[in-house]
Amino acid sequence: MTKLAAVILAAGAASRFGSCKSLALINDQPLIAFPLKAANEVAMDTYVFTGRWHEEIQNRAIQHHWKANIVLAPMWENGIGDVIAFATSELERDYDAILFMLADQPAVTGNNIELLLKVFDEHPCDAVCCQYRDTVGVPAIAARSMFAELKTLNGDNGAKHLLNDGKHVVHIVDVNQCFIDIDTQKDLDDYTHYLNNMSSYW
């Protein structure tokens, strides 16, 4: 049976947001709580890789008993590529595959993750990823066959080019809501307003 870990990437400085974006509240819940809940719902080992806001996130995790390991990525300032490389290096000895998620994708659900896992289990491949807005990306599962290349990533370049280079067997799952991400305070306000409007219909 494949041993898989979830990695939530929360290492950015959030310069466009202006504060610790991962802990910004949506209806009294921190933004990172949504992907964390999705990972916890499928009962996998979960790691949050942090950077600029490590202390704040770690304190919140302790206070609220998060089911996650909080890990500081030492090269976080170099960009997401270095964080992915570090996370892969840290976990490769103990896991056969890694599910990568972003802390600022609040619409991702446990059902989305279960679908990715189902495809990964049923179809031998190097990766399973989501498709939305004519692009592919996270949440995405990388098999061990991808680890060596993931460890070479650096700077602001993530792993998307590996999903698109035609050299790997990649299965794509259409999960439209995953495209919602939060970059600015306005994004947060708009998404909160959207959720509140949706709840008023029920």
Protein backbone atom coordinates (compact mmCIF):
# COMPACT_ATOMS: atom_id res chain seq x y z
CA MET A 1 0.00 0.00 0.00
CA THR A 2 1.32 3.44 -0.95
CA LYS A 3 2.33 5.55 2.02
CA LEU A 4 1.41 9.15 1.27
CA ALA A 5 1.90 12.45 3.09
CA ALA A 6 0.12 15.75 2.62
CA VAL A 7 2.23 18.90 2.34
CA ILE A 8 0.54 22.28 2.77
CA LEU A 9 2.76 25.05 1.43
CA ALA A 10 2.52 28.12 3.67
CA ALA A 11 6.01 29.58 3.39
CA GLY A 12 5.39 32.75 1.39
CA ALA A 13 5.84 36.24 2.78
CA ALA A 14 2.30 37.22 1.64
CA SER A 15 3.63 40.63 0.58
CA ARG A 16 0.53 41.37 -1.52
CA PHE A 17 -1.71 40.47 1.40
CA GLY A 18 0.19 42.55 3.94
CA SER A 19 0.04 40.17 6.90
CA CYS A 20 0.02 36.46 7.70
CA LYS A 21 -2.33 35.30 4.97
CA SER A 22 -2.51 31.71 6.22
CA LEU A 23 -4.08 32.91 9.47
CA ALA A 24 -6.44 35.48 7.93
CA LEU A 25 -10.00 34.67 8.95
CA ILE A 26 -12.89 33.48 6.82
CA ASN A 27 -15.96 33.37 9.05
CA ASP A 28 -13.80 32.90 12.14
CA GLN A 29 -11.66 30.17 10.56
CA PRO A 30 -8.05 30.78 9.46
CA LEU A 31 -7.50 30.37 5.73
CA ILE A 32 -5.14 27.45 6.23
CA ALA A 33 -7.81 25.57 8.19
CA PHE A 34 -9.63 24.69 4.96
CA PRO A 35 -6.87 22.70 3.20
CA LEU A 36 -5.85 21.32 6.59
CA LYS A 37 -9.39 20.01 7.14
CA ALA A 38 -9.41 18.49 3.65
CA ALA A 39 -6.17 16.61 4.35
CA ASN A 40 -7.32 15.50 7.78
CA GLU A 41 -10.58 14.14 6.37
CA VAL A 42 -8.65 11.51 4.43
CA ALA A 43 -6.57 10.67 7.50
CA MET A 44 -3.10 11.12 6.08
CA ASP A 45 0.06 12.43 7.74
CA THR A 46 0.04 16.19 7.21
CA TYR A 47 2.93 18.66 7.17
CA VAL A 48 2.75 22.45 6.95
CA PHE A 49 5.94 23.97 5.56
CA THR A 50 6.32 27.55 6.70
CA GLY A 51 8.62 30.51 6.19
CA ARG A 52 8.16 34.18 7.06
CA TRP A 53 5.25 33.48 9.41
CA HIS A 54 6.54 30.28 11.01
CA GLU A 55 6.22 31.39 14.62
CA GLU A 56 2.68 32.70 14.19
CA ILE A 57 1.51 29.56 12.40
CA GLN A 58 3.23 27.25 14.88
CA ASN A 59 1.66 29.06 17.84
CA ARG A 60 -1.79 28.80 16.27
CA ALA A 61 -1.24 25.10 15.60
CA ILE A 62 -0.30 24.47 19.23
CA GLN A 63 -3.18 26.51 20.63
CA HIS A 64 -5.78 24.79 18.46
CA HIS A 65 -4.28 21.29 18.41
CA TRP A 66 -3.88 21.03 14.66
CA LYS A 67 -3.35 17.52 13.33
CA ALA A 68 -0.23 18.56 11.45
CA ASN A 69 3.52 18.83 11.77
CA ILE A 70 4.75 22.42 11.38
CA VAL A 71 8.14 22.59 9.65
CA LEU A 72 10.22 25.68 8.88
CA ALA A 73 11.64 25.66 5.35
CA PRO A 74 15.05 27.36 5.81
CA MET A 75 15.31 28.59 2.20
CA TRP A 76 11.76 29.92 1.99
CA GLU A 77 12.90 33.37 0.86
CA ASN A 78 14.25 31.87 -2.36
CA GLY A 79 10.77 30.90 -3.52
CA ILE A 80 8.29 28.06 -3.71
CA GLY A 81 10.66 25.87 -5.72
CA ASP A 82 13.11 25.70 -2.84
CA VAL A 83 10.30 24.91 -0.40
CA ILE A 84 9.02 22.03 -2.55
CA ALA A 85 12.56 20.70 -2.91
CA PHE A 86 13.13 20.89 0.85
CA ALA A 87 9.80 19.24 1.67
CA THR A 88 10.53 16.40 -0.74
CA SER A 89 13.99 15.86 0.74
CA GLU A 90 12.54 15.80 4.25
CA LEU A 91 9.83 13.25 3.47
CA GLU A 92 11.24 10.98 0.78
CA ARG A 93 12.62 8.39 3.21
CA ASP A 94 9.27 7.78 4.86
CA TYR A 95 6.72 8.21 2.07
CA ASP A 96 6.09 6.84 -1.41
CA ALA A 97 4.10 9.83 -2.64
CA ILE A 98 3.36 13.41 -1.61
CA LEU A 99 0.15 15.38 -1.96
CA PHE A 100 1.01 19.07 -2.40
CA MET A 101 -1.55 21.70 -1.42
CA LEU A 102 -1.53 25.46 -0.96
CA ALA A 103 -2.54 27.22 2.23
CA ASP A 104 -4.52 29.81 0.25
CA GLN A 105 -6.96 27.49 -1.56
CA PRO A 106 -9.98 27.47 0.77
CA ALA A 107 -12.37 25.76 -1.66
CA VAL A 108 -10.49 22.45 -1.70
CA THR A 109 -12.44 19.70 0.08
CA GLY A 110 -11.81 16.24 1.41
CA ASN A 111 -13.90 14.89 -1.48
CA ASN A 112 -11.52 16.55 -3.95
CA ILE A 113 -8.56 14.88 -2.25
CA GLU A 114 -10.31 11.51 -2.18
CA LEU A 115 -10.88 11.77 -5.93
CA LEU A 116 -7.20 12.49 -6.55
CA LEU A 117 -6.24 9.54 -4.35
CA LYS A 118 -8.66 7.25 -6.17
CA VAL A 119 -7.19 8.15 -9.55
CA PHE A 120 -3.65 7.77 -8.18
CA ASP A 121 -4.42 4.32 -6.74
CA GLU A 122 -6.20 3.02 -9.83
CA HIS A 123 -3.91 4.34 -12.56
CA PRO A 124 -0.12 3.89 -12.34
CA CYS A 125 1.43 7.28 -13.01
CA ASP A 126 4.03 9.83 -11.98
CA ALA A 127 1.49 12.42 -10.87
CA VAL A 128 -2.17 13.30 -10.52
CA CYS A 129 -3.13 16.97 -10.61
CA CYS A 130 -6.11 19.27 -10.92
CA GLN A 131 -7.23 21.15 -14.01
CA TYR A 132 -8.95 24.52 -13.78
CA ARG A 133 -9.09 27.69 -15.84
CA ASP A 134 -7.25 26.01 -18.74
CA THR A 135 -4.26 25.19 -16.58
CA VAL A 136 -3.10 22.42 -14.26
CA GLY A 137 -1.80 22.58 -10.73
CA VAL A 138 -2.31 21.79 -7.08
CA PRO A 139 -3.65 19.97 -5.25
CA ALA A 140 -1.43 17.41 -6.91
CA ILE A 141 0.04 14.05 -5.97
CA ALA A 142 3.64 13.29 -6.93
CA ALA A 143 4.85 9.70 -6.94
CA ARG A 144 8.34 8.68 -5.85
CA SER A 145 9.35 8.65 -9.53
CA MET A 146 9.08 12.46 -9.42
CA PHE A 147 11.05 13.03 -6.22
CA ALA A 148 14.48 13.42 -7.82
CA GLU A 149 13.22 16.19 -10.09
CA LEU A 150 11.23 17.87 -7.34
CA LYS A 151 14.42 18.12 -5.30
CA THR A 152 16.06 20.15 -8.08
CA LEU A 153 13.42 22.90 -8.03
CA ASN A 154 14.48 26.34 -6.92
CA GLY A 155 13.45 29.97 -6.95
CA ASP A 156 9.92 31.04 -7.76
CA ASN A 157 9.33 28.17 -10.17
CA GLY A 158 7.07 25.44 -8.86
CA ALA A 159 6.51 22.01 -10.37
CA LYS A 160 3.96 22.93 -13.04
CA HIS A 161 6.48 22.55 -15.86
CA LEU A 162 7.03 18.93 -14.79
CA LEU A 163 3.32 18.27 -15.22
CA ASN A 164 3.38 19.78 -18.70
CA ASP A 165 6.69 18.58 -20.14
CA GLY A 166 5.30 15.40 -21.71
CA LYS A 167 7.99 13.27 -20.08
CA HIS A 168 5.81 12.01 -17.25
CA VAL A 169 2.61 10.03 -16.99
CA VAL A 170 0.20 12.56 -15.51
CA HIS A 171 -3.50 12.05 -14.87
CA ILE A 172 -5.61 15.18 -14.73
CA VAL A 173 -8.75 15.63 -12.66
CA ASP A 174 -11.21 18.41 -13.45
CA VAL A 175 -11.87 20.17 -10.14
CA ASN A 176 -13.03 23.67 -11.00
CA GLN A 177 -13.40 25.06 -7.49
CA CYS A 178 -9.72 24.48 -6.73
CA PHE A 179 -8.81 27.53 -8.81
CA ILE A 180 -10.02 29.81 -6.02
CA ASP A 181 -6.98 31.19 -4.26
CA ILE A 182 -6.49 34.19 -2.02
CA ASP A 183 -3.74 36.67 -2.86
CA THR A 184 -5.07 39.97 -1.52
CA GLN A 185 -7.37 41.25 1.20
CA LYS A 186 -9.96 41.96 -1.51
CA ASP A 187 -9.82 38.32 -2.60
CA LEU A 188 -10.49 37.31 0.99
CA ASP A 189 -13.38 39.74 1.36
CA ASP A 190 -14.91 38.66 -1.95
CA TYR A 191 -14.70 34.97 -1.08
CA THR A 192 -16.17 35.53 2.38
CA HIS A 193 -19.02 37.49 0.80
CA TYR A 194 -19.57 34.66 -1.69
CA LEU A 195 -19.75 32.06 1.08
CA ASN A 196 -22.18 34.14 3.10
CA ASN A 197 -24.40 34.64 0.07
CA MET A 198 -24.37 30.90 -0.65
CA SER A 199 -25.32 30.06 2.93
CA SER A 200 -28.31 32.41 2.74
CA TYR A 201 -29.87 30.16 0.09
CA TRP A 202 -30.02 27.15 2.42
